[in-house]
Amino acid sequence: MEIGNQIRKFRGKLNWSQETLAEKAYVSRQTVSNWENGKSYPDIHSLLLLGKLFNVSLDELVKGDVESMKKEIEKNDVKKFNAMVWLLAAEYLAVAVSIIPLIKYLGWLGGVIWGILFSVSMFTAVKVEKMKKSNNIQTYKEIKAFMEGKPLDEISEERIKNISSPLIKMVGGAFFAFIVVGICAFVFFK
């Protein structure tokens, strides 16, 4: 991504240190360093603020990055993430449904098998979260939407919706698992 080079270039023209830019952009110096080194990408609000601070347009600031963002979004298609979420849901269901029968019929060995199933589902959950974070998909989508002329309010609403969605899924999943375990307990210990 070119944004790091652009930030470094414009910061240098103003003879600002990373610390100075960080103070003016309301972020930490480490955040500025991460932007410049390509470890993270500024969100749309930070990009707009940087454009104002550097007195350049957003187009000039993200020069060259928009096309690569589009490719990144396509490369890391949402369907891939949805497939992982469905796999995770299936693993959670297997963990919830299998605990009582495994322990009832296999004893401690069933507990070990259930522990392995639980570990696999936790590994999948961590992998999904790492994929989301490492690809900055949400940030890229916001910038692409802004470049297409969508208003910031619409972009922010979409971000809030996407942030609350996993929380709702997690709470719903936990409730569902609780119901399934209750039904299994009723059936097997009747």
N, C-alpha and C. Protein backbone atom coordinates (compact mmCIF):
# COMPACT_ATOMS: atom_id res chain seq x y z
N MET A 1 0.83 -1.18 0.00
CA MET A 1 0.00 0.00 0.00
C MET A 1 0.88 1.25 0.00
N GLU A 2 0.42 2.23 -0.71
CA GLU A 2 1.17 3.47 -0.86
C GLU A 2 0.88 4.49 0.23
N ILE A 3 -0.15 4.29 1.01
CA ILE A 3 -0.55 5.30 1.99
C ILE A 3 0.58 5.62 2.96
N GLY A 4 1.33 4.61 3.35
CA GLY A 4 2.44 4.84 4.27
C GLY A 4 3.47 5.80 3.70
N ASN A 5 3.81 5.58 2.42
CA ASN A 5 4.76 6.48 1.75
C ASN A 5 4.19 7.89 1.62
N GLN A 6 2.89 7.97 1.33
CA GLN A 6 2.25 9.28 1.18
C GLN A 6 2.27 10.04 2.51
N ILE A 7 1.93 9.36 3.59
CA ILE A 7 1.92 10.01 4.91
C ILE A 7 3.33 10.48 5.26
N ARG A 8 4.31 9.61 5.04
CA ARG A 8 5.70 9.97 5.33
C ARG A 8 6.13 11.18 4.48
N LYS A 9 5.75 11.18 3.20
CA LYS A 9 6.12 12.27 2.30
C LYS A 9 5.52 13.60 2.75
N PHE A 10 4.21 13.60 2.99
CA PHE A 10 3.54 14.85 3.39
C PHE A 10 3.99 15.32 4.78
N ARG A 11 4.23 14.37 5.66
CA ARG A 11 4.72 14.72 7.00
C ARG A 11 6.11 15.36 6.89
N GLY A 12 6.94 14.81 6.01
CA GLY A 12 8.28 15.35 5.79
C GLY A 12 8.25 16.75 5.20
N LYS A 13 7.31 17.00 4.27
CA LYS A 13 7.20 18.34 3.68
C LYS A 13 6.88 19.39 4.74
N LEU A 14 6.13 18.99 5.77
CA LEU A 14 5.77 19.92 6.84
C LEU A 14 6.79 19.92 7.98
N ASN A 15 7.83 19.08 7.84
CA ASN A 15 8.85 18.94 8.88
C ASN A 15 8.25 18.54 10.23
N TRP A 16 7.27 17.65 10.20
CA TRP A 16 6.64 17.17 11.41
C TRP A 16 7.24 15.82 11.79
N SER A 17 7.37 15.60 13.07
CA SER A 17 7.77 14.27 13.55
C SER A 17 6.51 13.40 13.60
N GLN A 18 6.71 12.11 13.80
CA GLN A 18 5.55 11.23 13.96
C GLN A 18 4.74 11.65 15.18
N GLU A 19 5.42 12.08 16.21
CA GLU A 19 4.75 12.53 17.43
C GLU A 19 3.85 13.74 17.15
N THR A 20 4.37 14.70 16.38
CA THR A 20 3.60 15.91 16.05
C THR A 20 2.35 15.54 15.25
N LEU A 21 2.53 14.68 14.25
CA LEU A 21 1.38 14.26 13.44
C LEU A 21 0.38 13.50 14.31
N ALA A 22 0.88 12.66 15.18
CA ALA A 22 0.00 11.89 16.06
C ALA A 22 -0.87 12.80 16.91
N GLU A 23 -0.27 13.85 17.46
CA GLU A 23 -1.03 14.79 18.28
C GLU A 23 -2.10 15.50 17.46
N LYS A 24 -1.75 15.91 16.27
CA LYS A 24 -2.69 16.64 15.41
C LYS A 24 -3.80 15.73 14.86
N ALA A 25 -3.49 14.44 14.70
CA ALA A 25 -4.47 13.49 14.15
C ALA A 25 -5.22 12.74 15.26
N TYR A 26 -4.91 13.05 16.52
CA TYR A 26 -5.58 12.43 17.68
C TYR A 26 -5.38 10.92 17.72
N VAL A 27 -4.17 10.49 17.41
CA VAL A 27 -3.81 9.07 17.51
C VAL A 27 -2.47 8.98 18.23
N SER A 28 -2.03 7.77 18.48
CA SER A 28 -0.72 7.59 19.13
C SER A 28 0.40 7.65 18.09
N ARG A 29 1.61 7.88 18.56
CA ARG A 29 2.76 7.88 17.66
C ARG A 29 2.93 6.50 17.04
N GLN A 30 2.64 5.45 17.81
CA GLN A 30 2.74 4.08 17.32
C GLN A 30 1.78 3.85 16.15
N THR A 31 0.59 4.46 16.23
CA THR A 31 -0.38 4.33 15.14
C THR A 31 0.17 4.96 13.86
N VAL A 32 0.76 6.14 13.98
CA VAL A 32 1.36 6.79 12.81
C VAL A 32 2.47 5.91 12.24
N SER A 33 3.29 5.36 13.12
CA SER A 33 4.37 4.47 12.69
C SER A 33 3.81 3.25 11.96
N ASN A 34 2.74 2.67 12.49
CA ASN A 34 2.11 1.51 11.84
C ASN A 34 1.56 1.87 10.47
N TRP A 35 0.97 3.06 10.35
CA TRP A 35 0.48 3.51 9.04
C TRP A 35 1.63 3.61 8.06
N GLU A 36 2.71 4.26 8.49
CA GLU A 36 3.84 4.49 7.59
C GLU A 36 4.56 3.20 7.22
N ASN A 37 4.55 2.22 8.10
CA ASN A 37 5.22 0.95 7.83
C ASN A 37 4.30 -0.10 7.20
N GLY A 38 3.06 0.27 6.94
CA GLY A 38 2.12 -0.65 6.29
C GLY A 38 1.57 -1.72 7.20
N LYS A 39 1.72 -1.57 8.51
CA LYS A 39 1.18 -2.56 9.45
C LYS A 39 -0.31 -2.40 9.66
N SER A 40 -0.81 -1.18 9.46
CA SER A 40 -2.25 -0.93 9.56
C SER A 40 -2.60 0.18 8.59
N TYR A 41 -3.89 0.36 8.40
CA TYR A 41 -4.38 1.35 7.44
C TYR A 41 -5.30 2.30 8.17
N PRO A 42 -5.18 3.62 7.93
CA PRO A 42 -6.06 4.56 8.63
C PRO A 42 -7.52 4.36 8.23
N ASP A 43 -8.43 4.54 9.20
CA ASP A 43 -9.85 4.48 8.87
C ASP A 43 -10.24 5.74 8.09
N ILE A 44 -11.46 5.78 7.61
CA ILE A 44 -11.90 6.87 6.73
C ILE A 44 -11.84 8.22 7.44
N HIS A 45 -12.19 8.25 8.71
CA HIS A 45 -12.17 9.52 9.45
C HIS A 45 -10.73 10.03 9.60
N SER A 46 -9.80 9.13 9.88
CA SER A 46 -8.40 9.53 9.98
C SER A 46 -7.87 10.00 8.63
N LEU A 47 -8.27 9.33 7.56
CA LEU A 47 -7.84 9.76 6.23
C LEU A 47 -8.32 11.17 5.91
N LEU A 48 -9.57 11.45 6.24
CA LEU A 48 -10.10 12.79 5.99
C LEU A 48 -9.34 13.83 6.82
N LEU A 49 -9.05 13.50 8.07
CA LEU A 49 -8.30 14.42 8.92
C LEU A 49 -6.88 14.61 8.39
N LEU A 50 -6.25 13.53 7.94
CA LEU A 50 -4.90 13.65 7.36
C LEU A 50 -4.92 14.52 6.11
N GLY A 51 -5.95 14.36 5.29
CA GLY A 51 -6.08 15.20 4.09
C GLY A 51 -6.15 16.68 4.46
N LYS A 52 -6.91 16.98 5.51
CA LYS A 52 -7.01 18.38 5.96
C LYS A 52 -5.67 18.87 6.52
N LEU A 53 -5.03 18.04 7.33
CA LEU A 53 -3.75 18.44 7.92
C LEU A 53 -2.68 18.68 6.86
N PHE A 54 -2.68 17.82 5.83
CA PHE A 54 -1.67 17.94 4.78
C PHE A 54 -2.12 18.87 3.65
N ASN A 55 -3.39 19.32 3.72
CA ASN A 55 -3.96 20.19 2.70
C ASN A 55 -3.93 19.54 1.31
N VAL A 56 -4.35 18.25 1.27
CA VAL A 56 -4.43 17.50 0.02
C VAL A 56 -5.78 16.80 -0.04
N SER A 57 -6.19 16.43 -1.24
CA SER A 57 -7.45 15.71 -1.40
C SER A 57 -7.26 14.25 -0.98
N LEU A 58 -8.38 13.60 -0.71
CA LEU A 58 -8.34 12.19 -0.37
C LEU A 58 -7.78 11.38 -1.54
N ASP A 59 -8.14 11.78 -2.76
CA ASP A 59 -7.61 11.09 -3.95
C ASP A 59 -6.09 11.12 -3.97
N GLU A 60 -5.52 12.28 -3.68
CA GLU A 60 -4.07 12.41 -3.70
C GLU A 60 -3.43 11.62 -2.56
N LEU A 61 -4.09 11.60 -1.41
CA LEU A 61 -3.55 10.91 -0.25
C LEU A 61 -3.51 9.39 -0.45
N VAL A 62 -4.57 8.83 -1.01
CA VAL A 62 -4.63 7.38 -1.19
C VAL A 62 -4.24 6.96 -2.60
N LYS A 63 -3.54 7.84 -3.29
CA LYS A 63 -3.11 7.60 -4.66
C LYS A 63 -2.56 6.18 -4.82
N GLY A 64 -3.14 5.43 -5.72
CA GLY A 64 -2.66 4.08 -5.99
C GLY A 64 -3.26 3.02 -5.10
N ASP A 65 -3.82 3.40 -3.99
CA ASP A 65 -4.33 2.40 -3.05
C ASP A 65 -5.74 1.92 -3.37
N VAL A 66 -6.54 2.75 -4.02
CA VAL A 66 -7.94 2.40 -4.24
C VAL A 66 -8.06 1.12 -5.08
N GLU A 67 -7.29 1.02 -6.14
CA GLU A 67 -7.35 -0.18 -6.98
C GLU A 67 -6.90 -1.41 -6.21
N SER A 68 -5.84 -1.28 -5.43
CA SER A 68 -5.38 -2.44 -4.67
C SER A 68 -6.39 -2.81 -3.58
N MET A 69 -7.11 -1.80 -3.04
CA MET A 69 -8.17 -2.09 -2.06
C MET A 69 -9.29 -2.89 -2.71
N LYS A 70 -9.67 -2.49 -3.92
CA LYS A 70 -10.73 -3.22 -4.62
C LYS A 70 -10.31 -4.67 -4.82
N LYS A 71 -9.06 -4.88 -5.22
CA LYS A 71 -8.56 -6.24 -5.42
C LYS A 71 -8.54 -7.00 -4.10
N GLU A 72 -8.16 -6.32 -3.03
CA GLU A 72 -8.11 -6.95 -1.71
C GLU A 72 -9.49 -7.40 -1.27
N ILE A 73 -10.48 -6.54 -1.50
CA ILE A 73 -11.85 -6.89 -1.13
C ILE A 73 -12.31 -8.09 -1.94
N GLU A 74 -12.01 -8.09 -3.23
CA GLU A 74 -12.41 -9.21 -4.07
C GLU A 74 -11.67 -10.48 -3.67
N LYS A 75 -10.36 -10.33 -3.40
CA LYS A 75 -9.54 -11.48 -3.05
C LYS A 75 -10.04 -12.12 -1.76
N ASN A 76 -10.41 -11.31 -0.83
CA ASN A 76 -10.88 -11.80 0.47
C ASN A 76 -12.39 -11.68 0.53
N ASP A 77 -13.02 -12.33 -0.40
CA ASP A 77 -14.46 -12.24 -0.57
C ASP A 77 -15.21 -12.60 0.71
N VAL A 78 -16.30 -11.92 0.93
CA VAL A 78 -17.11 -12.13 2.12
C VAL A 78 -17.60 -13.58 2.20
N LYS A 79 -17.79 -14.22 1.06
CA LYS A 79 -18.25 -15.62 1.06
C LYS A 79 -17.28 -16.53 1.80
N LYS A 80 -16.00 -16.24 1.69
CA LYS A 80 -15.01 -17.04 2.39
C LYS A 80 -15.20 -16.92 3.91
N PHE A 81 -15.46 -15.69 4.36
CA PHE A 81 -15.69 -15.49 5.78
C PHE A 81 -16.99 -16.15 6.22
N ASN A 82 -18.03 -16.05 5.38
CA ASN A 82 -19.30 -16.69 5.72
C ASN A 82 -19.14 -18.20 5.83
N ALA A 83 -18.34 -18.78 4.94
CA ALA A 83 -18.10 -20.23 5.00
C ALA A 83 -17.43 -20.61 6.32
N MET A 84 -16.48 -19.79 6.73
CA MET A 84 -15.80 -20.05 8.00
C MET A 84 -16.77 -19.91 9.18
N VAL A 85 -17.67 -18.94 9.10
CA VAL A 85 -18.65 -18.74 10.17
C VAL A 85 -19.58 -19.94 10.25
N TRP A 86 -20.02 -20.46 9.10
CA TRP A 86 -20.88 -21.65 9.11
C TRP A 86 -20.14 -22.86 9.67
N LEU A 87 -18.87 -23.00 9.32
CA LEU A 87 -18.07 -24.09 9.87
C LEU A 87 -17.98 -23.95 11.39
N LEU A 88 -17.74 -22.73 11.84
CA LEU A 88 -17.66 -22.48 13.28
C LEU A 88 -18.99 -22.78 13.96
N ALA A 89 -20.09 -22.40 13.34
CA ALA A 89 -21.41 -22.68 13.91
C ALA A 89 -21.64 -24.19 14.03
N ALA A 90 -21.24 -24.93 12.99
CA ALA A 90 -21.39 -26.39 13.03
C ALA A 90 -20.53 -27.00 14.14
N GLU A 91 -19.33 -26.47 14.30
CA GLU A 91 -18.46 -26.96 15.37
C GLU A 91 -19.07 -26.66 16.74
N TYR A 92 -19.61 -25.44 16.92
CA TYR A 92 -20.25 -25.10 18.18
C TYR A 92 -21.44 -26.03 18.46
N LEU A 93 -22.22 -26.30 17.44
CA LEU A 93 -23.36 -27.19 17.60
C LEU A 93 -22.90 -28.59 18.02
N ALA A 94 -21.86 -29.09 17.35
CA ALA A 94 -21.33 -30.42 17.69
C ALA A 94 -20.83 -30.44 19.14
N VAL A 95 -20.18 -29.38 19.56
CA VAL A 95 -19.68 -29.30 20.93
C VAL A 95 -20.85 -29.29 21.92
N ALA A 96 -21.88 -28.51 21.61
CA ALA A 96 -23.02 -28.39 22.52
C ALA A 96 -23.81 -29.70 22.61
N VAL A 97 -24.01 -30.35 21.49
CA VAL A 97 -24.84 -31.55 21.46
C VAL A 97 -24.10 -32.78 21.98
N SER A 98 -22.80 -32.82 21.79
CA SER A 98 -22.07 -34.06 22.07
C SER A 98 -21.60 -34.23 23.52
N ILE A 99 -21.58 -33.19 24.31
CA ILE A 99 -20.98 -33.31 25.64
C ILE A 99 -21.66 -34.36 26.52
N ILE A 100 -22.97 -34.33 26.59
CA ILE A 100 -23.67 -35.25 27.50
C ILE A 100 -23.60 -36.68 26.99
N PRO A 101 -23.91 -36.96 25.69
CA PRO A 101 -23.80 -38.35 25.23
C PRO A 101 -22.37 -38.91 25.34
N LEU A 102 -21.38 -38.11 25.01
CA LEU A 102 -20.00 -38.59 25.08
C LEU A 102 -19.62 -38.97 26.50
N ILE A 103 -19.95 -38.12 27.45
CA ILE A 103 -19.58 -38.40 28.84
C ILE A 103 -20.41 -39.55 29.40
N LYS A 104 -21.70 -39.61 29.06
CA LYS A 104 -22.58 -40.67 29.58
C LYS A 104 -22.16 -42.05 29.08
N TYR A 105 -21.84 -42.14 27.78
CA TYR A 105 -21.56 -43.46 27.20
C TYR A 105 -20.08 -43.83 27.18
N LEU A 106 -19.18 -42.85 27.20
CA LEU A 106 -17.74 -43.18 27.12
C LEU A 106 -16.95 -42.76 28.36
N GLY A 107 -17.61 -42.09 29.29
CA GLY A 107 -16.94 -41.70 30.53
C GLY A 107 -15.85 -40.67 30.28
N TRP A 108 -14.70 -40.89 30.94
CA TRP A 108 -13.62 -39.91 30.82
C TRP A 108 -13.09 -39.81 29.40
N LEU A 109 -13.12 -40.90 28.64
CA LEU A 109 -12.69 -40.86 27.24
C LEU A 109 -13.59 -39.94 26.43
N GLY A 110 -14.88 -39.97 26.73
CA GLY A 110 -15.82 -39.05 26.08
C GLY A 110 -15.50 -37.60 26.41
N GLY A 111 -15.08 -37.37 27.65
CA GLY A 111 -14.68 -36.02 28.05
C GLY A 111 -13.46 -35.54 27.28
N VAL A 112 -12.53 -36.46 27.04
CA VAL A 112 -11.33 -36.12 26.26
C VAL A 112 -11.72 -35.80 24.81
N ILE A 113 -12.58 -36.63 24.24
CA ILE A 113 -13.03 -36.39 22.85
C ILE A 113 -13.75 -35.04 22.78
N TRP A 114 -14.61 -34.77 23.76
CA TRP A 114 -15.32 -33.49 23.77
C TRP A 114 -14.33 -32.33 23.90
N GLY A 115 -13.32 -32.48 24.71
CA GLY A 115 -12.29 -31.45 24.87
C GLY A 115 -11.58 -31.17 23.56
N ILE A 116 -11.33 -32.21 22.79
CA ILE A 116 -10.68 -32.04 21.48
C ILE A 116 -11.62 -31.28 20.54
N LEU A 117 -12.90 -31.66 20.52
CA LEU A 117 -13.89 -30.93 19.70
C LEU A 117 -13.96 -29.46 20.09
N PHE A 118 -13.97 -29.21 21.38
CA PHE A 118 -14.01 -27.83 21.87
C PHE A 118 -12.76 -27.06 21.44
N SER A 119 -11.61 -27.68 21.55
CA SER A 119 -10.35 -27.03 21.17
C SER A 119 -10.34 -26.70 19.68
N VAL A 120 -10.83 -27.61 18.85
CA VAL A 120 -10.89 -27.36 17.40
C VAL A 120 -11.80 -26.18 17.11
N SER A 121 -12.94 -26.10 17.78
CA SER A 121 -13.86 -24.98 17.54
C SER A 121 -13.25 -23.65 18.00
N MET A 122 -12.52 -23.65 19.09
CA MET A 122 -11.86 -22.43 19.55
C MET A 122 -10.75 -22.01 18.58
N PHE A 123 -10.02 -22.99 18.05
CA PHE A 123 -8.99 -22.70 17.05
C PHE A 123 -9.61 -22.05 15.82
N THR A 124 -10.74 -22.58 15.37
CA THR A 124 -11.43 -22.01 14.21
C THR A 124 -11.88 -20.59 14.51
N ALA A 125 -12.41 -20.35 15.71
CA ALA A 125 -12.87 -19.01 16.08
C ALA A 125 -11.72 -18.01 16.06
N VAL A 126 -10.59 -18.39 16.60
CA VAL A 126 -9.42 -17.50 16.60
C VAL A 126 -8.94 -17.25 15.18
N LYS A 127 -8.96 -18.27 14.35
CA LYS A 127 -8.52 -18.13 12.96
C LYS A 127 -9.42 -17.15 12.20
N VAL A 128 -10.72 -17.23 12.41
CA VAL A 128 -11.66 -16.32 11.76
C VAL A 128 -11.37 -14.88 12.18
N GLU A 129 -11.17 -14.65 13.46
CA GLU A 129 -10.89 -13.29 13.93
C GLU A 129 -9.58 -12.76 13.39
N LYS A 130 -8.57 -13.60 13.30
CA LYS A 130 -7.28 -13.18 12.75
C LYS A 130 -7.42 -12.82 11.27
N MET A 131 -8.22 -13.60 10.54
CA MET A 131 -8.44 -13.31 9.12
C MET A 131 -9.08 -11.94 8.95
N LYS A 132 -10.08 -11.65 9.76
CA LYS A 132 -10.75 -10.36 9.68
C LYS A 132 -9.79 -9.22 9.97
N LYS A 133 -9.02 -9.38 11.02
CA LYS A 133 -8.12 -8.30 11.46
C LYS A 133 -6.97 -8.10 10.48
N SER A 134 -6.36 -9.17 10.04
CA SER A 134 -5.16 -9.04 9.20
C SER A 134 -5.46 -8.47 7.81
N ASN A 135 -6.68 -8.64 7.35
CA ASN A 135 -7.00 -8.16 6.00
C ASN A 135 -7.64 -6.79 5.96
N ASN A 136 -7.90 -6.18 7.11
CA ASN A 136 -8.47 -4.83 7.15
C ASN A 136 -9.68 -4.67 6.22
N ILE A 137 -10.44 -5.70 6.06
CA ILE A 137 -11.55 -5.66 5.11
C ILE A 137 -12.52 -4.54 5.42
N GLN A 138 -12.85 -4.34 6.67
CA GLN A 138 -13.82 -3.30 7.00
C GLN A 138 -13.31 -1.92 6.60
N THR A 139 -12.06 -1.62 6.90
CA THR A 139 -11.49 -0.32 6.56
C THR A 139 -11.46 -0.11 5.06
N TYR A 140 -11.06 -1.12 4.31
CA TYR A 140 -10.99 -1.00 2.86
C TYR A 140 -12.37 -0.75 2.26
N LYS A 141 -13.37 -1.45 2.79
CA LYS A 141 -14.73 -1.25 2.30
C LYS A 141 -15.20 0.18 2.55
N GLU A 142 -14.86 0.74 3.72
CA GLU A 142 -15.26 2.11 4.03
C GLU A 142 -14.64 3.10 3.05
N ILE A 143 -13.36 2.94 2.79
CA ILE A 143 -12.67 3.88 1.90
C ILE A 143 -13.21 3.74 0.48
N LYS A 144 -13.43 2.52 0.03
CA LYS A 144 -13.98 2.29 -1.31
C LYS A 144 -15.36 2.94 -1.41
N ALA A 145 -16.19 2.77 -0.39
CA ALA A 145 -17.53 3.37 -0.40
C ALA A 145 -17.44 4.89 -0.43
N PHE A 146 -16.52 5.45 0.33
CA PHE A 146 -16.36 6.90 0.34
C PHE A 146 -15.91 7.40 -1.03
N MET A 147 -14.98 6.68 -1.64
CA MET A 147 -14.48 7.08 -2.96
C MET A 147 -15.59 6.99 -4.01
N GLU A 148 -16.59 6.16 -3.77
CA GLU A 148 -17.71 6.04 -4.69
C GLU A 148 -18.79 7.07 -4.40
N GLY A 149 -18.55 7.94 -3.41
CA GLY A 149 -19.46 9.04 -3.15
C GLY A 149 -20.52 8.78 -2.10
N LYS A 150 -20.42 7.70 -1.38
CA LYS A 150 -21.39 7.44 -0.32
C LYS A 150 -21.10 8.39 0.84
N PRO A 151 -22.13 8.92 1.50
CA PRO A 151 -21.92 9.84 2.62
C PRO A 151 -21.33 9.11 3.83
N LEU A 152 -20.58 9.84 4.65
CA LEU A 152 -19.93 9.26 5.82
C LEU A 152 -20.92 8.65 6.80
N ASP A 153 -22.10 9.27 6.93
CA ASP A 153 -23.10 8.72 7.86
C ASP A 153 -23.49 7.31 7.45
N GLU A 154 -23.67 7.09 6.16
CA GLU A 154 -24.04 5.77 5.66
C GLU A 154 -22.92 4.77 5.92
N ILE A 155 -21.68 5.19 5.72
CA ILE A 155 -20.54 4.32 5.95
C ILE A 155 -20.43 3.97 7.43
N SER A 156 -20.60 4.98 8.30
CA SER A 156 -20.51 4.74 9.75
C SER A 156 -21.63 3.82 10.22
N GLU A 157 -22.84 4.00 9.69
CA GLU A 157 -23.95 3.12 10.06
C GLU A 157 -23.65 1.68 9.67
N GLU A 158 -23.07 1.49 8.48
CA GLU A 158 -22.73 0.14 8.03
C GLU A 158 -21.67 -0.47 8.95
N ARG A 159 -20.71 0.33 9.38
CA ARG A 159 -19.66 -0.18 10.27
C ARG A 159 -20.26 -0.60 11.61
N ILE A 160 -21.13 0.23 12.16
CA ILE A 160 -21.77 -0.09 13.44
C ILE A 160 -22.59 -1.37 13.30
N LYS A 161 -23.30 -1.50 12.20
CA LYS A 161 -24.09 -2.70 11.94
C LYS A 161 -23.19 -3.92 11.88
N ASN A 162 -22.05 -3.80 11.21
CA ASN A 162 -21.14 -4.93 11.07
C ASN A 162 -20.43 -5.26 12.37
N ILE A 163 -20.25 -4.29 13.24
CA ILE A 163 -19.63 -4.55 14.53
C ILE A 163 -20.61 -5.27 15.45
N SER A 164 -21.87 -4.84 15.45
CA SER A 164 -22.84 -5.44 16.36
C SER A 164 -23.30 -6.82 15.90
N SER A 165 -23.18 -7.11 14.62
CA SER A 165 -23.64 -8.38 14.08
C SER A 165 -22.94 -9.59 14.73
N PRO A 166 -21.60 -9.61 14.86
CA PRO A 166 -20.96 -10.76 15.51
C PRO A 166 -21.38 -10.92 16.97
N LEU A 167 -21.59 -9.80 17.66
CA LEU A 167 -22.02 -9.87 19.06
C LEU A 167 -23.40 -10.53 19.14
N ILE A 168 -24.30 -10.11 18.27
CA ILE A 168 -25.64 -10.70 18.25
C ILE A 168 -25.56 -12.18 17.93
N LYS A 169 -24.72 -12.55 16.95
CA LYS A 169 -24.56 -13.96 16.59
C LYS A 169 -24.00 -14.76 17.76
N MET A 170 -23.03 -14.19 18.48
CA MET A 170 -22.42 -14.89 19.60
C MET A 170 -23.43 -15.11 20.73
N VAL A 171 -24.21 -14.08 21.06
CA VAL A 171 -25.21 -14.21 22.12
C VAL A 171 -26.29 -15.21 21.69
N GLY A 172 -26.73 -15.11 20.44
CA GLY A 172 -27.73 -16.04 19.92
C GLY A 172 -27.21 -17.47 19.93
N GLY A 173 -25.95 -17.63 19.54
CA GLY A 173 -25.34 -18.96 19.53
C GLY A 173 -25.24 -19.55 20.92
N ALA A 174 -24.87 -18.72 21.88
CA ALA A 174 -24.77 -19.19 23.27
C ALA A 174 -26.15 -19.60 23.79
N PHE A 175 -27.17 -18.81 23.46
CA PHE A 175 -28.53 -19.15 23.88
C PHE A 175 -28.97 -20.47 23.25
N PHE A 176 -28.70 -20.62 21.94
CA PHE A 176 -29.05 -21.85 21.23
C PHE A 176 -28.33 -23.04 21.85
N ALA A 177 -27.04 -22.90 22.15
CA ALA A 177 -26.27 -23.99 22.73
C ALA A 177 -26.84 -24.37 24.10
N PHE A 178 -27.26 -23.38 24.88
CA PHE A 178 -27.84 -23.64 26.18
C PHE A 178 -29.12 -24.47 26.04
N ILE A 179 -29.96 -24.10 25.07
CA ILE A 179 -31.21 -24.84 24.82
C ILE A 179 -30.90 -26.27 24.38
N VAL A 180 -29.95 -26.43 23.47
CA VAL A 180 -29.61 -27.77 22.96
C VAL A 180 -29.07 -28.65 24.08
N VAL A 181 -28.19 -28.10 24.91
CA VAL A 181 -27.65 -28.87 26.03
C VAL A 181 -28.76 -29.26 27.00
N GLY A 182 -29.69 -28.35 27.24
CA GLY A 182 -30.83 -28.66 28.11
C GLY A 182 -31.68 -29.79 27.56
N ILE A 183 -31.95 -29.75 26.27
CA ILE A 183 -32.74 -30.82 25.63
C ILE A 183 -31.99 -32.15 25.69
N CYS A 184 -30.68 -32.11 25.40
CA CYS A 184 -29.88 -33.33 25.47
C CYS A 184 -29.87 -33.91 26.89
N ALA A 185 -29.73 -33.06 27.87
CA ALA A 185 -29.72 -33.52 29.26
C ALA A 185 -31.07 -34.16 29.61
N PHE A 186 -32.16 -33.55 29.15
CA PHE A 186 -33.48 -34.08 29.43
C PHE A 186 -33.66 -35.46 28.77
N VAL A 187 -33.21 -35.57 27.52
CA VAL A 187 -33.40 -36.83 26.77
C VAL A 187 -32.52 -37.95 27.34
N PHE A 188 -31.25 -37.66 27.62
CA PHE A 188 -30.32 -38.71 28.02
C PHE A 188 -30.38 -39.06 29.50
N PHE A 189 -30.82 -38.16 30.34
CA PHE A 189 -30.85 -38.43 31.77
C PHE A 189 -32.28 -38.59 32.28
N LYS A 190 -33.17 -38.89 31.41
CA LYS A 190 -34.58 -39.06 31.72
C LYS A 190 -34.82 -40.23 32.63
